Amino acid sequence: MSDKNLTCKDCGKEFVFTEGEQEFYKEKGFDNEPQRCPDCRKARKAQSRNRDFRR
């Protein structure tokens, strides 16, 4: 396994899916590679938390 360059589906920026991250995904049983860069993942998570907090 080696690092992979992926493109974020939200912002279009390229990001690296490292060997370590790939192993982590495999251990957790995740079949799909990440579709968002770390920045967009953080933003999406924060947005989700804000929605849950307002309820």
Protein backbone atom coordinates (compact mmCIF):
# COMPACT_ATOMS: atom_id res chain seq x y z
CA MET A 1 0.00 0.00 0.00
CA SER A 2 1.21 3.52 -0.74
CA ASP A 3 -0.08 7.06 -0.29
CA LYS A 4 -2.84 8.08 -2.72
CA ASN A 5 -3.70 11.49 -4.08
CA LEU A 6 -7.46 12.07 -4.00
CA THR A 7 -9.61 15.03 -5.02
CA CYS A 8 -12.14 16.53 -2.59
CA LYS A 9 -15.70 16.40 -3.91
CA ASP A 10 -16.60 19.66 -2.13
CA CYS A 11 -13.72 22.06 -2.83
CA GLY A 12 -11.87 20.22 -5.62
CA LYS A 13 -8.54 20.43 -3.78
CA GLU A 14 -6.16 17.46 -3.95
CA PHE A 15 -5.26 15.76 -0.68
CA VAL A 16 -3.16 12.77 0.35
CA PHE A 17 -4.78 9.61 1.70
CA THR A 18 -1.78 8.26 3.60
CA GLU A 19 -0.81 4.64 4.10
CA GLY A 20 -1.63 4.98 7.80
CA GLU A 21 -5.08 6.39 7.08
CA GLN A 22 -5.73 3.57 4.62
CA GLU A 23 -4.81 1.00 7.28
CA PHE A 24 -7.08 2.74 9.79
CA TYR A 25 -10.00 2.68 7.32
CA LYS A 26 -9.35 -1.00 6.64
CA GLU A 27 -9.26 -1.84 10.39
CA LYS A 28 -12.56 -0.03 10.92
CA GLY A 29 -14.13 -1.92 8.02
CA PHE A 30 -14.67 1.17 5.85
CA ASP A 31 -14.90 0.11 2.21
CA ASN A 32 -14.83 3.56 0.60
CA GLU A 33 -12.01 6.07 0.45
CA PRO A 34 -12.67 9.53 1.89
CA GLN A 35 -14.32 11.88 -0.59
CA ARG A 36 -13.57 15.11 1.27
CA CYS A 37 -10.25 16.72 2.26
CA PRO A 38 -9.50 17.08 5.99
CA ASP A 39 -10.56 20.76 5.97
CA CYS A 40 -13.94 20.02 4.40
CA ARG A 41 -14.44 17.04 6.74
CA LYS A 42 -13.83 19.30 9.75
CA ALA A 43 -16.18 21.97 8.41
CA ARG A 44 -18.90 19.40 7.74
CA LYS A 45 -18.50 17.90 11.22
CA ALA A 46 -18.71 21.34 12.85
CA GLN A 47 -21.78 22.18 10.80
CA SER A 48 -23.40 18.92 11.91
CA ARG A 49 -22.57 19.61 15.57
CA ASN A 50 -24.08 23.09 15.35
CA ARG A 51 -27.29 21.66 13.92
CA ASP A 52 -27.52 19.06 16.71
CA PHE A 53 -26.76 21.69 19.36
CA ARG A 54 -29.61 23.95 18.25
CA ARG A 55 -32.27 21.25 18.68
